[in-house]
Protein backbone atom coordinates (compact mmCIF):
# COMPACT_ATOMS: atom_id res chain seq x y z
CA MET A 1 0.00 0.00 0.00
CA ARG A 2 2.82 2.41 0.79
CA GLU A 3 4.23 2.08 -2.73
CA LEU A 4 0.81 2.67 -4.26
CA GLY A 5 0.59 5.89 -2.27
CA LYS A 6 3.57 7.17 -4.21
CA GLN A 7 2.49 6.12 -7.70
CA PRO A 8 0.25 3.63 -9.52
CA ALA A 9 1.74 0.19 -10.13
CA ARG A 10 1.11 -2.84 -12.29
CA VAL A 11 -0.07 -5.95 -10.47
CA THR A 12 3.00 -7.82 -11.73
CA ASP A 13 5.28 -5.16 -10.22
CA ILE A 14 3.43 -5.30 -6.90
CA ALA A 15 3.70 -9.10 -6.85
CA LYS A 16 7.49 -8.96 -7.24
CA ASN A 17 7.77 -7.60 -3.69
CA PHE A 18 6.10 -10.62 -2.06
CA PRO A 19 7.18 -14.24 -1.64
CA VAL A 20 3.82 -15.54 -2.88
CA SER A 21 2.37 -16.26 -6.29
CA LEU A 22 1.00 -13.62 -8.65
CA ASN A 23 -2.39 -15.28 -8.22
CA ALA A 24 -2.23 -14.87 -4.42
CA VAL A 25 -1.27 -11.19 -4.72
CA SER A 26 -4.06 -10.64 -7.25
CA LYS A 27 -6.60 -12.15 -4.82
CA HIS A 28 -5.40 -9.86 -2.03
CA LEU A 29 -5.66 -6.88 -4.37
CA MET A 30 -9.23 -7.87 -5.22
CA VAL A 31 -10.09 -7.72 -1.50
CA LEU A 32 -8.56 -4.23 -1.26
CA GLU A 33 -10.45 -3.24 -4.41
CA ARG A 34 -13.78 -4.45 -2.99
CA ALA A 35 -13.02 -2.48 0.19
CA GLY A 36 -12.55 0.62 -1.96
CA LEU A 37 -8.91 1.04 -0.96
CA ILE A 38 -7.51 0.62 -4.45
CA GLN A 39 -8.77 1.20 -7.96
CA ARG A 40 -7.76 -1.10 -10.79
CA GLU A 41 -7.59 -0.07 -14.41
CA VAL A 42 -7.01 -2.46 -17.27
CA GLU A 43 -4.59 -1.15 -19.87
CA GLY A 44 -4.36 -3.83 -22.53
CA ARG A 45 -3.10 -6.93 -20.74
CA GLU A 46 -1.79 -4.97 -17.78
CA HIS A 47 -3.74 -4.25 -14.62
CA VAL A 48 -2.68 -1.00 -12.95
CA CYS A 49 -3.65 -0.27 -9.34
CA ARG A 50 -3.97 3.13 -7.70
CA LEU A 51 -4.45 3.88 -4.04
CA ASN A 52 -7.75 5.41 -2.99
CA ALA A 53 -6.92 7.03 0.35
CA ALA A 54 -10.40 8.43 1.09
CA PRO A 55 -11.61 5.34 3.03
CA LEU A 56 -8.38 5.39 5.04
CA GLN A 57 -9.00 9.01 5.97
CA GLN A 58 -12.52 8.12 7.11
CA ALA A 59 -11.13 5.27 9.20
CA SER A 60 -8.52 7.60 10.68
CA VAL A 61 -11.21 10.07 11.77
CA TRP A 62 -13.27 7.27 13.31
CA LEU A 63 -10.22 5.90 15.14
CA ALA A 64 -9.37 9.35 16.52
CA GLU A 65 -12.94 9.81 17.78
CA THR A 66 -12.98 6.33 19.30
CA GLN A 67 -9.59 6.89 20.93
CA ALA A 68 -10.78 10.17 22.47
CA PHE A 69 -13.93 8.48 23.80
CA TRP A 70 -12.02 5.62 25.42
CA GLU A 71 -9.34 7.91 26.84
CA GLN A 72 -12.07 9.92 28.55
CA ARG A 73 -13.75 6.77 29.86
CA LEU A 74 -10.49 5.31 31.14
CA ASP A 75 -9.50 8.60 32.76
CA ALA A 76 -12.89 8.66 34.52
CA LEU A 77 -12.40 5.07 35.67
CA GLU A 78 -8.92 5.86 37.00
CA LYS A 79 -10.27 8.88 38.87
CA HIS A 80 -13.07 6.76 40.36
CA ILE A 81 -10.64 4.04 41.51
CA LEU A 82 -8.25 6.58 43.07
CA GLU A 83 -11.10 8.28 44.92
CA LYS A 84 -12.36 4.94 46.15
CA ARG A 85 -8.88 4.03 47.45
CA LYS A 86 -8.64 7.39 49.26
CA ARG A 87 -11.96 6.76 51.01
CA LYS A 88 -10.81 3.35 52.24
CA ARG A 89 -7.72 4.83 53.94
């Protein structure tokens, strides 16, 4: 994915970087394509993939919101536990 962020690449070029078959890489790319993370264009016999970063940006926003929520909840829990310990002393 990092390489696709820099420039589009042919499936055969992508597959060269992995110790698995071209067919296995192609199947993984199809999963990414269905998820909307890459776009594939057919140019003659070559399949060229491009990164579509928009879904990753959406996931990043969701993760940041979720992280903020849980940090607040955990901070509240820590405060509650510390107060409870103080009362027991």
